[in-house]
Amino acid sequence: ANLLILDEPTAVLTPQESNELILLLKNMSNQGNSI
């Protein structure tokens, strides 16, 4: 996959896990993946 769909990805995450996910998704988009 180079186009990733995430459905309510932080609905069940803690605030700390949500921040980690945001950094991860930014890293993925910087490498050319569409989100």
All heavy atoms as atom14 arrays in JSON, in Angstrom:
{
  "sequence": "ANLLILDEPTAVLTPQESNELILLLKNMSNQGNSI",
  "atom14_mask": [
    [1, 1, 1, 1, 1, 0, 0, 0, 0, 0, 0, 0, 0, 0],
    [1, 1, 1, 1, 1, 1, 1, 1, 0, 0, 0, 0, 0, 0],
    [1, 1, 1, 1, 1, 1, 1, 1, 0, 0, 0, 0, 0, 0],
    [1, 1, 1, 1, 1, 1, 1, 1, 0, 0, 0, 0, 0, 0],
    [1, 1, 1, 1, 1, 1, 1, 1, 0, 0, 0, 0, 0, 0],
    [1, 1, 1, 1, 1, 1, 1, 1, 0, 0, 0, 0, 0, 0],
    [1, 1, 1, 1, 1, 1, 1, 1, 0, 0, 0, 0, 0, 0],
    [1, 1, 1, 1, 1, 1, 1, 1, 1, 0, 0, 0, 0, 0],
    [1, 1, 1, 1, 1, 1, 1, 0, 0, 0, 0, 0, 0, 0],
    [1, 1, 1, 1, 1, 1, 1, 0, 0, 0, 0, 0, 0, 0],
    [1, 1, 1, 1, 1, 0, 0, 0, 0, 0, 0, 0, 0, 0],
    [1, 1, 1, 1, 1, 1, 1, 0, 0, 0, 0, 0, 0, 0],
    [1, 1, 1, 1, 1, 1, 1, 1, 0, 0, 0, 0, 0, 0],
    [1, 1, 1, 1, 1, 1, 1, 0, 0, 0, 0, 0, 0, 0],
    [1, 1, 1, 1, 1, 1, 1, 0, 0, 0, 0, 0, 0, 0],
    [1, 1, 1, 1, 1, 1, 1, 1, 1, 0, 0, 0, 0, 0],
    [1, 1, 1, 1, 1, 1, 1, 1, 1, 0, 0, 0, 0, 0],
    [1, 1, 1, 1, 1, 1, 0, 0, 0, 0, 0, 0, 0, 0],
    [1, 1, 1, 1, 1, 1, 1, 1, 0, 0, 0, 0, 0, 0],
    [1, 1, 1, 1, 1, 1, 1, 1, 1, 0, 0, 0, 0, 0],
    [1, 1, 1, 1, 1, 1, 1, 1, 0, 0, 0, 0, 0, 0],
    [1, 1, 1, 1, 1, 1, 1, 1, 0, 0, 0, 0, 0, 0],
    [1, 1, 1, 1, 1, 1, 1, 1, 0, 0, 0, 0, 0, 0],
    [1, 1, 1, 1, 1, 1, 1, 1, 0, 0, 0, 0, 0, 0],
    [1, 1, 1, 1, 1, 1, 1, 1, 0, 0, 0, 0, 0, 0],
    [1, 1, 1, 1, 1, 1, 1, 1, 1, 0, 0, 0, 0, 0],
    [1, 1, 1, 1, 1, 1, 1, 1, 0, 0, 0, 0, 0, 0],
    [1, 1, 1, 1, 1, 1, 1, 1, 0, 0, 0, 0, 0, 0],
    [1, 1, 1, 1, 1, 1, 0, 0, 0, 0, 0, 0, 0, 0],
    [1, 1, 1, 1, 1, 1, 1, 1, 0, 0, 0, 0, 0, 0],
    [1, 1, 1, 1, 1, 1, 1, 1, 1, 0, 0, 0, 0, 0],
    [1, 1, 1, 1, 0, 0, 0, 0, 0, 0, 0, 0, 0, 0],
    [1, 1, 1, 1, 1, 1, 1, 1, 0, 0, 0, 0, 0, 0],
    [1, 1, 1, 1, 1, 1, 0, 0, 0, 0, 0, 0, 0, 0],
    [1, 1, 1, 1, 1, 1, 1, 1, 0, 0, 0, 0, 0, 0]
  ],
  "atom14_positions": [
    [[0.84, -1.21, 0.0], [0.0, 0.0, 0.0], [0.87, 1.26, 0.0], [1.83, 1.37, 0.76], [-0.91, 0.01, 1.24], [0.0, 0.0, 0.0], [0.0, 0.0, 0.0], [0.0, 0.0, 0.0], [0.0, 0.0, 0.0], [0.0, 0.0, 0.0], [0.0, 0.0, 0.0], [0.0, 0.0, 0.0], [0.0, 0.0, 0.0], [0.0, 0.0, 0.0]],
    [[0.53, 2.19, -0.89], [1.17, 3.52, -0.83], [0.12, 4.61, -0.69], [0.43, 5.78, -0.67], [2.09, 3.75, -2.03], [1.39, 3.55, -3.36], [0.6, 4.39, -3.78], [1.67, 2.44, -4.04], [0.0, 0.0, 0.0], [0.0, 0.0, 0.0], [0.0, 0.0, 0.0], [0.0, 0.0, 0.0], [0.0, 0.0, 0.0], [0.0, 0.0, 0.0]],
    [[-1.16, 4.2, -0.59], [-2.24, 5.09, -0.19], [-2.91, 4.4, 1.0], [-3.44, 3.3, 0.86], [-3.24, 5.3, -1.32], [-4.32, 6.39, -1.12], [-4.98, 6.75, -2.44], [-5.4, 6.01, -0.12], [0.0, 0.0, 0.0], [0.0, 0.0, 0.0], [0.0, 0.0, 0.0], [0.0, 0.0, 0.0], [0.0, 0.0, 0.0], [0.0, 0.0, 0.0]],
    [[-2.84, 5.02, 2.15], [-3.31, 4.41, 3.39], [-4.53, 5.15, 3.92], [-4.5, 6.37, 4.09], [-2.19, 4.44, 4.43], [-2.28, 3.48, 5.61], [-2.33, 2.03, 5.15], [-1.08, 3.68, 6.55], [0.0, 0.0, 0.0], [0.0, 0.0, 0.0], [0.0, 0.0, 0.0], [0.0, 0.0, 0.0], [0.0, 0.0, 0.0], [0.0, 0.0, 0.0]],
    [[-5.62, 4.4, 4.16], [-6.84, 4.97, 4.73], [-6.89, 4.58, 6.21], [-6.76, 3.4, 6.53], [-8.11, 4.42, 4.03], [-8.04, 4.65, 2.52], [-9.37, 5.04, 4.63], [-9.02, 3.77, 1.74], [0.0, 0.0, 0.0], [0.0, 0.0, 0.0], [0.0, 0.0, 0.0], [0.0, 0.0, 0.0], [0.0, 0.0, 0.0], [0.0, 0.0, 0.0]],
    [[-7.05, 5.55, 7.09], [-7.17, 5.26, 8.52], [-8.51, 5.76, 9.02], [-8.82, 6.96, 8.92], [-6.03, 5.91, 9.31], [-4.65, 5.32, 9.01], [-3.84, 6.3, 8.18], [-3.9, 5.01, 10.28], [0.0, 0.0, 0.0], [0.0, 0.0, 0.0], [0.0, 0.0, 0.0], [0.0, 0.0, 0.0], [0.0, 0.0, 0.0], [0.0, 0.0, 0.0]],
    [[-9.33, 4.84, 9.55], [-10.68, 5.17, 10.02], [-10.66, 5.44, 11.52], [-10.46, 4.51, 12.31], [-11.62, 4.0, 9.69], [-13.08, 4.34, 9.98], [-13.36, 5.46, 10.46], [-13.95, 3.48, 9.75], [0.0, 0.0, 0.0], [0.0, 0.0, 0.0], [0.0, 0.0, 0.0], [0.0, 0.0, 0.0], [0.0, 0.0, 0.0], [0.0, 0.0, 0.0]],
    [[-10.84, 6.7, 11.91], [-10.84, 7.1, 13.32], [-9.65, 6.47, 14.05], [-9.81, 5.76, 15.05], [-12.15, 6.68, 14.01], [-13.4, 7.24, 13.38], [-13.6, 8.73, 13.67], [-12.73, 9.35, 14.33], [-14.61, 9.29, 13.23], [0.0, 0.0, 0.0], [0.0, 0.0, 0.0], [0.0, 0.0, 0.0], [0.0, 0.0, 0.0], [0.0, 0.0, 0.0]],
    [[-8.41, 6.75, 13.61], [-7.26, 6.0, 14.14], [-6.96, 6.27, 15.61], [-6.33, 5.45, 16.27], [-6.1, 6.46, 13.26], [-6.51, 7.81, 12.77], [-7.99, 7.74, 12.6], [0.0, 0.0, 0.0], [0.0, 0.0, 0.0], [0.0, 0.0, 0.0], [0.0, 0.0, 0.0], [0.0, 0.0, 0.0], [0.0, 0.0, 0.0], [0.0, 0.0, 0.0]],
    [[-7.39, 7.42, 16.15], [-7.05, 7.73, 17.54], [-8.23, 7.53, 18.49], [-8.13, 7.88, 19.67], [-6.54, 9.18, 17.67], [-7.58, 10.07, 17.27], [-5.32, 9.41, 16.81], [0.0, 0.0, 0.0], [0.0, 0.0, 0.0], [0.0, 0.0, 0.0], [0.0, 0.0, 0.0], [0.0, 0.0, 0.0], [0.0, 0.0, 0.0], [0.0, 0.0, 0.0]],
    [[-9.33, 6.95, 18.0], [-10.54, 6.82, 18.84], [-10.28, 6.0, 20.09], [-10.89, 6.25, 21.13], [-11.67, 6.19, 18.03], [0.0, 0.0, 0.0], [0.0, 0.0, 0.0], [0.0, 0.0, 0.0], [0.0, 0.0, 0.0], [0.0, 0.0, 0.0], [0.0, 0.0, 0.0], [0.0, 0.0, 0.0], [0.0, 0.0, 0.0], [0.0, 0.0, 0.0]],
    [[-9.38, 5.01, 20.0], [-9.14, 4.14, 21.17], [-7.71, 4.27, 21.7], [-7.26, 3.42, 22.46], [-9.44, 2.66, 20.82], [-10.91, 2.44, 20.61], [-8.67, 2.23, 19.57], [0.0, 0.0, 0.0], [0.0, 0.0, 0.0], [0.0, 0.0, 0.0], [0.0, 0.0, 0.0], [0.0, 0.0, 0.0], [0.0, 0.0, 0.0], [0.0, 0.0, 0.0]],
    [[-7.02, 5.36, 21.33], [-5.64, 5.55, 21.78], [-5.55, 6.53, 22.94], [-6.38, 7.42, 23.09], [-4.77, 6.07, 20.62], [-4.68, 5.21, 19.36], [-3.65, 5.81, 18.42], [-4.31, 3.77, 19.68], [0.0, 0.0, 0.0], [0.0, 0.0, 0.0], [0.0, 0.0, 0.0], [0.0, 0.0, 0.0], [0.0, 0.0, 0.0], [0.0, 0.0, 0.0]],
    [[-4.51, 6.36, 23.75], [-4.24, 7.34, 24.8], [-3.66, 8.6, 24.13], [-3.21, 8.54, 22.98], [-3.2, 6.8, 25.8], [-1.95, 6.63, 25.1], [-3.62, 5.47, 26.4], [0.0, 0.0, 0.0], [0.0, 0.0, 0.0], [0.0, 0.0, 0.0], [0.0, 0.0, 0.0], [0.0, 0.0, 0.0], [0.0, 0.0, 0.0], [0.0, 0.0, 0.0]],
    [[-3.65, 9.75, 24.85], [-3.05, 10.96, 24.26], [-1.61, 10.74, 23.79], [-1.2, 11.24, 22.74], [-3.12, 11.98, 25.41], [-4.29, 11.53, 26.23], [-4.26, 10.02, 26.16], [0.0, 0.0, 0.0], [0.0, 0.0, 0.0], [0.0, 0.0, 0.0], [0.0, 0.0, 0.0], [0.0, 0.0, 0.0], [0.0, 0.0, 0.0], [0.0, 0.0, 0.0]],
    [[-0.83, 9.97, 24.58], [0.56, 9.72, 24.21], [0.64, 8.9, 22.92], [1.43, 9.2, 22.02], [1.28, 8.95, 25.33], [1.46, 9.75, 26.6], [0.27, 9.62, 27.55], [-0.84, 9.3, 27.13], [0.49, 9.86, 28.83], [0.0, 0.0, 0.0], [0.0, 0.0, 0.0], [0.0, 0.0, 0.0], [0.0, 0.0, 0.0], [0.0, 0.0, 0.0]],
    [[-0.2, 7.85, 22.8], [-0.2, 7.02, 21.59], [-0.66, 7.83, 20.38], [-0.16, 7.64, 19.27], [-1.1, 5.8, 21.79], [-0.52, 4.76, 22.73], [-1.52, 3.65, 23.08], [-2.74, 3.92, 23.09], [-1.07, 2.54, 23.36], [0.0, 0.0, 0.0], [0.0, 0.0, 0.0], [0.0, 0.0, 0.0], [0.0, 0.0, 0.0], [0.0, 0.0, 0.0]],
    [[-1.62, 8.75, 20.6], [-2.1, 9.6, 19.5], [-0.98, 10.47, 18.97], [-0.81, 10.63, 17.75], [-3.25, 10.49, 19.98], [-4.36, 9.7, 20.36], [0.0, 0.0, 0.0], [0.0, 0.0, 0.0], [0.0, 0.0, 0.0], [0.0, 0.0, 0.0], [0.0, 0.0, 0.0], [0.0, 0.0, 0.0], [0.0, 0.0, 0.0], [0.0, 0.0, 0.0]],
    [[-0.18, 11.05, 19.87], [0.95, 11.9, 19.44], [1.98, 11.09, 18.66], [2.53, 11.55, 17.66], [1.62, 12.55, 20.67], [0.71, 13.57, 21.33], [-0.19, 14.12, 20.7], [0.92, 13.82, 22.61], [0.0, 0.0, 0.0], [0.0, 0.0, 0.0], [0.0, 0.0, 0.0], [0.0, 0.0, 0.0], [0.0, 0.0, 0.0], [0.0, 0.0, 0.0]],
    [[2.23, 9.85, 19.11], [3.18, 8.97, 18.4], [2.66, 8.66, 16.99], [3.42, 8.64, 16.02], [3.38, 7.67, 19.17], [4.21, 7.82, 20.43], [4.23, 6.55, 21.29], [3.79, 5.49, 20.79], [4.66, 6.64, 22.45], [0.0, 0.0, 0.0], [0.0, 0.0, 0.0], [0.0, 0.0, 0.0], [0.0, 0.0, 0.0], [0.0, 0.0, 0.0]],
    [[1.35, 8.42, 16.88], [0.76, 8.1, 15.58], [0.87, 9.3, 14.63], [1.17, 9.13, 13.44], [-0.71, 7.7, 15.74], [-1.43, 7.35, 14.43], [-0.89, 6.05, 13.84], [-2.93, 7.25, 14.63], [0.0, 0.0, 0.0], [0.0, 0.0, 0.0], [0.0, 0.0, 0.0], [0.0, 0.0, 0.0], [0.0, 0.0, 0.0], [0.0, 0.0, 0.0]],
    [[0.64, 10.51, 15.14], [0.73, 11.71, 14.31], [2.14, 11.84, 13.73], [2.32, 12.11, 12.53], [0.33, 12.96, 15.12], [-1.19, 12.97, 15.35], [0.76, 14.25, 14.42], [-1.67, 14.0, 16.35], [0.0, 0.0, 0.0], [0.0, 0.0, 0.0], [0.0, 0.0, 0.0], [0.0, 0.0, 0.0], [0.0, 0.0, 0.0], [0.0, 0.0, 0.0]],
    [[3.16, 11.63, 14.57], [4.56, 11.7, 14.1], [4.83, 10.63, 13.04], [5.5, 10.88, 12.04], [5.52, 11.54, 15.28], [5.55, 12.69, 16.3], [6.41, 12.32, 17.5], [6.07, 13.97, 15.64], [0.0, 0.0, 0.0], [0.0, 0.0, 0.0], [0.0, 0.0, 0.0], [0.0, 0.0, 0.0], [0.0, 0.0, 0.0], [0.0, 0.0, 0.0]],
    [[4.3, 9.43, 13.27], [4.48, 8.32, 12.34], [3.86, 8.65, 10.97], [4.48, 8.45, 9.92], [3.85, 7.06, 12.91], [3.65, 5.88, 11.96], [5.0, 5.34, 11.5], [2.83, 4.78, 12.61], [0.0, 0.0, 0.0], [0.0, 0.0, 0.0], [0.0, 0.0, 0.0], [0.0, 0.0, 0.0], [0.0, 0.0, 0.0], [0.0, 0.0, 0.0]],
    [[2.63, 9.17, 10.97], [1.94, 9.47, 9.72], [2.64, 10.61, 8.96], [2.71, 10.59, 7.73], [0.48, 9.82, 9.99], [-0.39, 8.68, 10.56], [-1.82, 9.15, 10.77], [-0.37, 7.45, 9.65], [0.0, 0.0, 0.0], [0.0, 0.0, 0.0], [0.0, 0.0, 0.0], [0.0, 0.0, 0.0], [0.0, 0.0, 0.0], [0.0, 0.0, 0.0]],
    [[3.17, 11.59, 9.71], [3.93, 12.67, 9.05], [5.17, 12.1, 8.37], [5.52, 12.48, 7.25], [4.34, 13.72, 10.1], [3.22, 14.68, 10.47], [3.71, 15.73, 11.44], [2.63, 16.78, 11.7], [3.02, 17.75, 12.73], [0.0, 0.0, 0.0], [0.0, 0.0, 0.0], [0.0, 0.0, 0.0], [0.0, 0.0, 0.0], [0.0, 0.0, 0.0]],
    [[5.84, 11.16, 9.05], [7.02, 10.52, 8.49], [6.67, 9.75, 7.22], [7.39, 9.81, 6.21], [7.63, 9.58, 9.56], [8.87, 8.85, 9.06], [9.6, 9.36, 8.21], [9.11, 7.66, 9.58], [0.0, 0.0, 0.0], [0.0, 0.0, 0.0], [0.0, 0.0, 0.0], [0.0, 0.0, 0.0], [0.0, 0.0, 0.0], [0.0, 0.0, 0.0]],
    [[5.52, 9.05, 7.25], [5.09, 8.28, 6.08], [4.77, 9.18, 4.9], [5.11, 8.87, 3.75], [3.87, 7.42, 6.44], [4.21, 6.26, 7.37], [2.75, 5.35, 7.89], [2.24, 4.63, 6.35], [0.0, 0.0, 0.0], [0.0, 0.0, 0.0], [0.0, 0.0, 0.0], [0.0, 0.0, 0.0], [0.0, 0.0, 0.0], [0.0, 0.0, 0.0]],
    [[4.09, 10.31, 5.16], [3.75, 11.23, 4.05], [5.01, 11.89, 3.49], [5.11, 12.12, 2.28], [2.74, 12.28, 4.52], [3.32, 13.19, 5.41], [0.0, 0.0, 0.0], [0.0, 0.0, 0.0], [0.0, 0.0, 0.0], [0.0, 0.0, 0.0], [0.0, 0.0, 0.0], [0.0, 0.0, 0.0], [0.0, 0.0, 0.0], [0.0, 0.0, 0.0]],
    [[6.0, 12.16, 4.35], [7.27, 12.75, 3.89], [8.01, 11.8, 2.95], [8.81, 12.24, 2.13], [8.18, 13.1, 5.07], [7.65, 14.29, 5.87], [6.86, 15.08, 5.35], [8.05, 14.41, 7.12], [0.0, 0.0, 0.0], [0.0, 0.0, 0.0], [0.0, 0.0, 0.0], [0.0, 0.0, 0.0], [0.0, 0.0, 0.0], [0.0, 0.0, 0.0]],
    [[7.74, 10.49, 3.1], [8.37, 9.5, 2.22], [7.52, 9.19, 0.99], [7.75, 8.19, 0.31], [8.66, 8.23, 3.03], [9.67, 8.46, 4.15], [10.19, 7.18, 4.76], [10.48, 6.22, 4.05], [10.32, 7.15, 6.07], [0.0, 0.0, 0.0], [0.0, 0.0, 0.0], [0.0, 0.0, 0.0], [0.0, 0.0, 0.0], [0.0, 0.0, 0.0]],
    [[6.51, 10.04, 0.72], [5.76, 9.93, -0.54], [4.47, 9.15, -0.48], [3.8, 8.97, -1.49], [0.0, 0.0, 0.0], [0.0, 0.0, 0.0], [0.0, 0.0, 0.0], [0.0, 0.0, 0.0], [0.0, 0.0, 0.0], [0.0, 0.0, 0.0], [0.0, 0.0, 0.0], [0.0, 0.0, 0.0], [0.0, 0.0, 0.0], [0.0, 0.0, 0.0]],
    [[4.1, 8.63, 0.71], [2.83, 7.91, 0.83], [1.67, 8.89, 0.97], [1.78, 9.91, 1.65], [2.86, 6.99, 2.06], [3.85, 5.86, 1.89], [3.61, 4.89, 1.2], [5.01, 5.98, 2.54], [0.0, 0.0, 0.0], [0.0, 0.0, 0.0], [0.0, 0.0, 0.0], [0.0, 0.0, 0.0], [0.0, 0.0, 0.0], [0.0, 0.0, 0.0]],
    [[0.56, 8.56, 0.34], [-0.67, 9.37, 0.48], [-1.48, 8.81, 1.64], [-1.54, 7.59, 1.81], [-1.5, 9.32, -0.79], [-0.71, 9.67, -1.91], [0.0, 0.0, 0.0], [0.0, 0.0, 0.0], [0.0, 0.0, 0.0], [0.0, 0.0, 0.0], [0.0, 0.0, 0.0], [0.0, 0.0, 0.0], [0.0, 0.0, 0.0], [0.0, 0.0, 0.0]],
    [[-2.1, 9.69, 2.41], [-2.87, 9.25, 3.58], [-4.23, 9.93, 3.59], [-4.32, 11.14, 3.38], [-2.11, 9.55, 4.89], [-0.82, 8.7, 4.95], [-2.97, 9.27, 6.12], [0.16, 9.14, 6.0], [0.0, 0.0, 0.0], [0.0, 0.0, 0.0], [0.0, 0.0, 0.0], [0.0, 0.0, 0.0], [0.0, 0.0, 0.0], [0.0, 0.0, 0.0]]
  ]
}
